C-alpha atoms as a PDB file:
ATOM      1  CA  UNK A   1      96.230 164.656  75.978  1.00  0.00           C
ATOM      2  CA  UNK A   2      96.764 163.809  79.636  1.00  0.00           C
ATOM      3  CA  UNK A   3      93.632 165.744  80.461  1.00  0.00           C
ATOM      4  CA  UNK A   4      91.628 163.747  77.931  1.00  0.00           C
ATOM      5  CA  UNK A   5      92.999 160.489  79.336  1.00  0.00           C
ATOM      6  CA  UNK A   6      92.089 161.575  82.859  1.00  0.00           C
ATOM      7  CA  UNK A   7      88.626 162.620  81.704  1.00  0.00           C
ATOM      8  CA  UNK A   8      88.150 159.236  79.985  1.00  0.00           C
ATOM      9  CA  UNK A   9      89.094 157.409  83.193  1.00  0.00           C
ATOM     10  CA  UNK A  10      86.747 159.643  85.153  1.00  0.00           C
ATOM     11  CA  UNK A  11      83.908 158.984  82.721  1.00  0.00           C
ATOM     12  CA  UNK A  12      84.465 155.224  82.776  1.00  0.00           C
ATOM     13  CA  UNK A  13      84.571 155.253  86.561  1.00  0.00           C
ATOM     14  CA  UNK A  14      81.312 157.115  87.002  1.00  0.00           C
ATOM     15  CA  UNK A  15      79.595 154.947  84.368  1.00  0.00           C
ATOM     16  CA  UNK A  16      80.820 151.683  85.859  1.00  0.00           C
ATOM     17  CA  UNK A  17      80.001 152.756  89.390  1.00  0.00           C
ATOM     18  CA  UNK A  18      76.484 153.813  88.431  1.00  0.00           C
ATOM     19  CA  UNK A  19      75.807 150.555  86.592  1.00  0.00           C
ATOM     20  CA  UNK A  20      77.058 148.503  89.543  1.00  0.00           C
ATOM     21  CA  UNK A  21      74.921 150.337  92.092  1.00  0.00           C
ATOM     22  CA  UNK A  22      71.826 150.479  89.926  1.00  0.00           C
ATOM     23  CA  UNK A  23      71.707 146.847  88.840  1.00  0.00           C
ATOM     24  CA  UNK A  24      73.602 144.818  91.442  1.00  0.00           C
ATOM     25  CA  UNK A  25      72.143 146.728  94.373  1.00  0.00           C
ATOM     26  CA  UNK A  26      68.794 147.301  92.700  1.00  0.00           C
ATOM     27  CA  UNK A  27      66.806 145.553  95.437  1.00  0.00           C
ATOM     28  CA  UNK A  28      67.491 148.481  97.742  1.00  0.00           C
ATOM     29  CA  UNK A  29      65.902 150.774  95.174  1.00  0.00           C
ATOM     30  CA  UNK A  30      62.848 148.635  94.461  1.00  0.00           C
ATOM     31  CA  UNK A  31      59.607 149.818  95.979  1.00  0.00           C
ATOM     32  CA  UNK A  32      57.973 147.186  98.194  1.00  0.00           C
ATOM     33  CA  UNK A  33      54.302 147.121  99.101  1.00  0.00           C
ATOM     34  CA  UNK A  34      52.401 145.159 101.715  1.00  0.00           C
ATOM     35  CA  UNK A  35      48.706 144.315 101.507  1.00  0.00           C
ATOM     36  CA  UNK A  36      46.807 142.711 104.379  1.00  0.00           C
ATOM     37  CA  UNK A  37      44.269 140.457 102.704  1.00  0.00           C
ATOM     38  CA  UNK A  38      42.960 138.799 105.870  1.00  0.00           C
ATOM     39  CA  UNK A  39      42.942 140.598 109.217  1.00  0.00           C
ATOM     40  CA  UNK A  40      43.499 138.607 112.424  1.00  0.00           C
ATOM     41  CA  UNK A  41      40.507 137.392 114.445  1.00  0.00           C
ATOM     42  CA  UNK A  42      39.430 139.240 117.546  1.00  0.00           C
ATOM     43  CA  UNK A  43      41.395 138.162 120.602  1.00  0.00           C
ATOM     44  CA  UNK A  44      38.796 136.735 122.982  1.00  0.00           C
ATOM     45  CA  UNK A  45      39.708 134.751 126.104  1.00  0.00           C
ATOM     46  CA  UNK A  46      43.349 134.356 124.960  1.00  0.00           C
ATOM     47  CA  UNK A  47      44.858 130.984 125.776  1.00  0.00           C
ATOM     48  CA  UNK A  48      48.405 129.700 125.162  1.00  0.00           C
ATOM     49  CA  UNK A  49      48.584 126.656 122.907  1.00  0.00           C
ATOM     50  CA  UNK A  50      51.121 125.001 125.186  1.00  0.00           C
ATOM     51  CA  UNK A  51      54.867 124.654 124.795  1.00  0.00           C
ATOM     52  CA  UNK A  52      55.859 123.884 121.224  1.00  0.00           C
ATOM     53  CA  UNK A  53      58.251 121.101 122.171  1.00  0.00           C
ATOM     54  CA  UNK A  54      59.505 118.138 120.159  1.00  0.00           C
ATOM     55  CA  UNK A  55      56.541 116.387 118.523  1.00  0.00           C
ATOM     56  CA  UNK A  56      54.054 119.201 119.133  1.00  0.00           C
ATOM     57  CA  UNK A  57      51.697 119.766 116.189  1.00  0.00           C
ATOM     58  CA  UNK A  58      48.815 122.189 115.809  1.00  0.00           C
ATOM     59  CA  UNK A  59      46.848 122.690 112.601  1.00  0.00           C
ATOM     60  CA  UNK A  60      44.901 125.749 111.514  1.00  0.00           C
ATOM     61  CA  UNK A  61      42.764 125.802 108.349  1.00  0.00           C
ATOM     62  CA  UNK A  62      42.853 128.763 105.960  1.00  0.00           C
ATOM     63  CA  UNK A  63      39.429 129.691 104.624  1.00  0.00           C
ATOM     64  CA  UNK A  64      39.941 131.461 101.285  1.00  0.00           C
ATOM     65  CA  UNK A  65      36.213 132.238 101.153  1.00  0.00           C
ATOM     66  CA  UNK A  66      36.860 134.967 103.719  1.00  0.00           C
ATOM     67  CA  UNK A  67      38.988 136.836 101.140  1.00  0.00           C
ATOM     68  CA  UNK A  68      37.665 138.519  98.003  1.00  0.00           C
ATOM     69  CA  UNK A  69      38.766 137.226  94.594  1.00  0.00           C
ATOM     70  CA  UNK A  70      40.301 140.586  93.716  1.00  0.00           C
ATOM     71  CA  UNK A  71      42.715 140.232  96.644  1.00  0.00           C
ATOM     72  CA  UNK A  72      43.478 136.600  95.856  1.00  0.00           C
ATOM     73  CA  UNK A  73      44.466 137.464  92.285  1.00  0.00           C
ATOM     74  CA  UNK A  74      47.384 139.632  93.405  1.00  0.00           C
ATOM     75  CA  UNK A  75      50.936 138.725  92.512  1.00  0.00           C
ATOM     76  CA  UNK A  76      53.415 138.578  95.344  1.00  0.00           C
ATOM     77  CA  UNK A  77      54.788 136.626  98.282  1.00  0.00           C
ATOM     78  CA  UNK A  78      52.297 135.207 100.765  1.00  0.00           C
ATOM     79  CA  UNK A  79      53.148 135.969 104.406  1.00  0.00           C
ATOM     80  CA  UNK A  80      51.559 134.725 107.610  1.00  0.00           C
ATOM     81  CA  UNK A  81      51.825 136.794 110.799  1.00  0.00           C
ATOM     82  CA  UNK A  82      51.246 134.725 113.925  1.00  0.00           C
ATOM     83  CA  UNK A  83      51.227 135.889 117.560  1.00  0.00           C
ATOM     84  CA  UNK A  84      53.815 133.932 119.536  1.00  0.00           C
ATOM     85  CA  UNK A  85      55.143 134.199 123.078  1.00  0.00           C
ATOM     86  CA  UNK A  86      58.393 133.215 124.780  1.00  0.00           C
ATOM     87  CA  UNK A  87      57.121 133.046 128.367  1.00  0.00           C
ATOM     88  CA  UNK A  88      58.118 136.467 129.657  1.00  0.00           C
ATOM     89  CA  UNK A  89      61.402 136.736 127.722  1.00  0.00           C
ATOM     90  CA  UNK A  90      62.622 133.355 128.881  1.00  0.00           C
ATOM     91  CA  UNK A  91      65.784 132.109 127.172  1.00  0.00           C
ATOM     92  CA  UNK A  92      64.489 129.314 124.981  1.00  0.00           C
ATOM     93  CA  UNK A  93      66.361 126.937 122.708  1.00  0.00           C
ATOM     94  CA  UNK A  94      65.798 124.542 119.850  1.00  0.00           C
ATOM     95  CA  UNK A  95      63.729 125.067 116.722  1.00  0.00           C
ATOM     96  CA  UNK A  96      60.142 124.935 115.561  1.00  0.00           C
ATOM     97  CA  UNK A  97      58.523 125.233 112.151  1.00  0.00           C
ATOM     98  CA  UNK A  98      55.530 126.620 110.309  1.00  0.00           C
ATOM     99  CA  UNK A  99      54.275 124.531 107.416  1.00  0.00           C
ATOM    100  CA  UNK A 100      51.853 125.783 104.782  1.00  0.00           C
ATOM    101  CA  UNK A 101      50.208 123.065 102.720  1.00  0.00           C
ATOM    102  CA  UNK A 102      47.810 123.709  99.840  1.00  0.00           C
ATOM    103  CA  UNK A 103      46.715 120.704  97.829  1.00  0.00           C
ATOM    104  CA  UNK A 104      49.888 118.873  96.765  1.00  0.00           C
ATOM    105  CA  UNK A 105      52.109 121.944  97.353  1.00  0.00           C
ATOM    106  CA  UNK A 106      53.801 122.802 100.631  1.00  0.00           C
ATOM    107  CA  UNK A 107      56.620 124.809 102.159  1.00  0.00           C
ATOM    108  CA  UNK A 108      58.052 124.581 105.654  1.00  0.00           C
ATOM    109  CA  UNK A 109      59.939 127.375 107.434  1.00  0.00           C
ATOM    110  CA  UNK A 110      62.232 126.619 110.371  1.00  0.00           C
ATOM    111  CA  UNK A 111      62.895 129.192 113.079  1.00  0.00           C
ATOM    112  CA  UNK A 112      65.012 129.280 116.218  1.00  0.00           C
ATOM    113  CA  UNK A 113      62.994 129.553 119.418  1.00  0.00           C
ATOM    114  CA  UNK A 114      65.378 132.189 120.784  1.00  0.00           C
ATOM    115  CA  UNK A 115      64.427 134.527 117.904  1.00  0.00           C
ATOM    116  CA  UNK A 116      60.810 134.842 119.076  1.00  0.00           C
ATOM    117  CA  UNK A 117      59.707 138.012 120.871  1.00  0.00           C
ATOM    118  CA  UNK A 118      57.195 137.828 123.681  1.00  0.00           C
ATOM    119  CA  UNK A 119      53.537 138.417 122.761  1.00  0.00           C
ATOM    120  CA  UNK A 120      54.379 139.703 119.315  1.00  0.00           C
ATOM    121  CA  UNK A 121      53.651 138.812 115.707  1.00  0.00           C
ATOM    122  CA  UNK A 122      56.180 136.562 113.970  1.00  0.00           C
ATOM    123  CA  UNK A 123      56.224 136.696 110.179  1.00  0.00           C
ATOM    124  CA  UNK A 124      56.549 133.641 107.945  1.00  0.00           C
ATOM    125  CA  UNK A 125      56.837 134.360 104.204  1.00  0.00           C
ATOM    126  CA  UNK A 126      56.295 131.492 101.768  1.00  0.00           C
ATOM    127  CA  UNK A 127      58.046 132.600  98.580  1.00  0.00           C
ATOM    128  CA  UNK A 128      57.749 129.136  97.014  1.00  0.00           C
ATOM    129  CA  UNK A 129      53.944 129.246  97.087  1.00  0.00           C
ATOM    130  CA  UNK A 130      52.525 132.023  94.879  1.00  0.00           C
ATOM    131  CA  UNK A 131      49.167 133.198  96.156  1.00  0.00           C
ATOM    132  CA  UNK A 132      47.473 132.713  92.786  1.00  0.00           C
ATOM    133  CA  UNK A 133      48.551 129.062  92.708  1.00  0.00           C
ATOM    134  CA  UNK A 134      47.181 128.083  96.110  1.00  0.00           C
ATOM    135  CA  UNK A 135      44.086 130.279  96.451  1.00  0.00           C
ATOM    136  CA  UNK A 136      40.870 128.238  96.757  1.00  0.00           C
ATOM    137  CA  UNK A 137      42.836 125.027  97.385  1.00  0.00           C
ATOM    138  CA  UNK A 138      42.355 123.203 100.673  1.00  0.00           C
ATOM    139  CA  UNK A 139      45.011 124.927 102.787  1.00  0.00           C
ATOM    140  CA  UNK A 140      46.347 124.237 106.266  1.00  0.00           C
ATOM    141  CA  UNK A 141      48.889 125.936 108.508  1.00  0.00           C
ATOM    142  CA  UNK A 142      50.739 123.554 110.787  1.00  0.00           C
ATOM    143  CA  UNK A 143      52.799 124.708 113.752  1.00  0.00           C
ATOM    144  CA  UNK A 144      55.360 122.025 114.655  1.00  0.00           C
ATOM    145  CA  UNK A 145      57.811 121.524 117.468  1.00  0.00           C
ATOM    146  CA  UNK A 146      61.139 120.212 116.193  1.00  0.00           C
ATOM    147  CA  UNK A 147      63.690 119.916 118.979  1.00  0.00           C
ATOM    148  CA  UNK A 148      62.854 122.356 121.784  1.00  0.00           C
ATOM    149  CA  UNK A 149      62.847 120.646 125.206  1.00  0.00           C
ATOM    150  CA  UNK A 150      60.212 121.321 127.886  1.00  0.00           C
ATOM    151  CA  UNK A 151      60.928 124.536 129.754  1.00  0.00           C
ATOM    152  CA  UNK A 152      62.864 125.896 126.764  1.00  0.00           C
ATOM    153  CA  UNK A 153      60.118 126.157 124.126  1.00  0.00           C
ATOM    154  CA  UNK A 154      57.911 128.986 122.899  1.00  0.00           C
ATOM    155  CA  UNK A 155      54.135 128.993 122.512  1.00  0.00           C
ATOM    156  CA  UNK A 156      51.394 130.526 120.348  1.00  0.00           C
ATOM    157  CA  UNK A 157      48.349 132.469 121.452  1.00  0.00           C
ATOM    158  CA  UNK A 158      44.865 131.226 120.674  1.00  0.00           C
ATOM    159  CA  UNK A 159      41.516 132.983 120.697  1.00  0.00           C
ATOM    160  CA  UNK A 160      37.914 131.954 121.246  1.00  0.00           C
ATOM    161  CA  UNK A 161      36.981 133.807 118.048  1.00  0.00           C
ATOM    162  CA  UNK A 162      36.677 130.926 115.589  1.00  0.00           C
ATOM    163  CA  UNK A 163      35.583 132.939 112.535  1.00  0.00           C
ATOM    164  CA  UNK A 164      38.899 131.920 110.923  1.00  0.00           C
ATOM    165  CA  UNK A 165      38.226 128.243 111.587  1.00  0.00           C
ATOM    166  CA  UNK A 166      38.814 125.705 114.350  1.00  0.00           C
ATOM    167  CA  UNK A 167      42.362 124.713 115.178  1.00  0.00           C
ATOM    168  CA  UNK A 168      43.114 121.006 115.524  1.00  0.00           C
ATOM    169  CA  UNK A 169      45.587 119.164 117.710  1.00  0.00           C
ATOM    170  CA  UNK A 170      45.924 115.525 116.779  1.00  0.00           C
ATOM    171  CA  UNK A 171      42.430 114.224 116.088  1.00  0.00           C
ATOM    172  CA  UNK A 172      40.791 116.766 118.384  1.00  0.00           C
ATOM    173  CA  UNK A 173      39.057 119.867 117.032  1.00  0.00           C
ATOM    174  CA  UNK A 174      39.446 122.794 119.407  1.00  0.00           C
ATOM    175  CA  UNK A 175      37.036 125.625 120.142  1.00  0.00           C
ATOM    176  CA  UNK A 176      39.984 127.937 119.554  1.00  0.00           C
ATOM    177  CA  UNK A 177      41.822 129.508 116.650  1.00  0.00           C
ATOM    178  CA  UNK A 178      45.372 130.707 116.184  1.00  0.00           C
ATOM    179  CA  UNK A 179      45.727 134.485 116.075  1.00  0.00           C
ATOM    180  CA  UNK A 180      47.067 135.111 112.591  1.00  0.00           C
ATOM    181  CA  UNK A 181      46.749 137.418 109.611  1.00  0.00           C
ATOM    182  CA  UNK A 182      47.614 136.995 105.930  1.00  0.00           C
ATOM    183  CA  UNK A 183      49.507 139.559 103.864  1.00  0.00           C
ATOM    184  CA  UNK A 184      50.899 139.790 100.358  1.00  0.00           C
ATOM    185  CA  UNK A 185      54.302 141.382  99.745  1.00  0.00           C
ATOM    186  CA  UNK A 186      54.819 142.800  96.259  1.00  0.00           C
ATOM    187  CA  UNK A 187      57.809 144.498  94.674  1.00  0.00           C
ATOM    188  CA  UNK A 188      57.779 147.005  91.852  1.00  0.00           C
ATOM    189  CA  UNK A 189      60.118 146.339  88.932  1.00  0.00           C
ATOM    190  CA  UNK A 190      60.244 150.036  88.123  1.00  0.00           C
ATOM    191  CA  UNK A 191      63.142 151.940  89.626  1.00  0.00           C
ATOM    192  CA  UNK A 192      61.952 155.316  90.994  1.00  0.00           C
ATOM    193  CA  UNK A 193      63.537 158.455  89.543  1.00  0.00           C
ATOM    194  CA  UNK A 194      65.111 159.322  92.887  1.00  0.00           C
ATOM    195  CA  UNK A 195      67.121 156.110  92.664  1.00  0.00           C
ATOM    196  CA  UNK A 196      68.680 157.199  89.388  1.00  0.00           C
ATOM    197  CA  UNK A 197      69.504 160.648  90.758  1.00  0.00           C
ATOM    198  CA  UNK A 198      70.947 159.190  93.963  1.00  0.00           C
ATOM    199  CA  UNK A 199      73.125 156.769  92.018  1.00  0.00           C
ATOM    200  CA  UNK A 200      74.596 159.505  89.833  1.00  0.00           C
ATOM    201  CA  UNK A 201      75.197 161.839  92.788  1.00  0.00           C
ATOM    202  CA  UNK A 202      76.966 159.091  94.735  1.00  0.00           C
ATOM    203  CA  UNK A 203      79.189 158.352  91.776  1.00  0.00           C
ATOM    204  CA  UNK A 204      80.015 162.031  91.262  1.00  0.00           C
ATOM    205  CA  UNK A 205      80.787 162.657  94.923  1.00  0.00           C
ATOM    206  CA  UNK A 206      83.238 159.763  95.069  1.00  0.00           C
ATOM    207  CA  UNK A 207      84.769 160.550  91.693  1.00  0.00           C
ATOM    208  CA  UNK A 208      85.589 164.125  92.738  1.00  0.00           C
ATOM    209  CA  UNK A 209      88.129 162.667  95.129  1.00  0.00           C
ATOM    210  CA  UNK A 210      90.006 161.173  92.197  1.00  0.00           C
ATOM    211  CA  UNK A 211      89.671 164.104  89.791  1.00  0.00           C
ATOM    212  CA  UNK A 212      93.155 165.237  88.802  1.00  0.00           C
ATOM    213  CA  UNK A 213      94.174 168.748  89.811  1.00  0.00           C
ATOM    214  CA  UNK A 214      95.859 171.166  87.448  1.00  0.00           C
ATOM    215  CA  UNK A 215      99.182 170.639  89.166  1.00  0.00           C
ATOM    216  CA  UNK A 216      98.890 166.968  88.439  1.00  0.00           C
ATOM    217  CA  UNK A 217      98.449 167.619  84.705  1.00  0.00           C
ATOM    218  CA  UNK A 218     101.683 169.549  84.301  1.00  0.00           C
END
């Protein structure tokens, strides 16, 4: 009888553990995919946009006509990768933002200036703006300075390749474009078979530690 009770506890433990791992930590098991739907423009005569200090504002249009309809119909989170710089690993402070506006919909992402790597892509993912909902709407990216002081702000690289559209600062249209790409992040709802096997093996390996020995059953 004691053996049956111990076996019942063991069975409940492994079942509960497996359910917890599989469902509550399921994001770790989900397969994620990334699709680049618009490659960045060619970097020609690169020029810094200037320090993104308080009040700075630079707009970049998004031309959906450059992307095929089959790519625009994908489900997933829209992400923008933008080349930023921190002036040779200077210690910057304050915050800046990237705003994506499409028609009457918009989302703004704030980021600390000290989190920016020098001459590298920074990713901004707009999970509140599904790609299908904003595709073909008049869309603008706006890079804004929030509270970084001069000498402590980051910048963005610009290119003379204007195939992605002309950037604007204030009322002035520039013969430059931000260096950015557009990706879609998708996540599969199907749990791969290896996740199920891994969950069971983890539960078994931990449960062995608590399995009663014969001496304990006497």
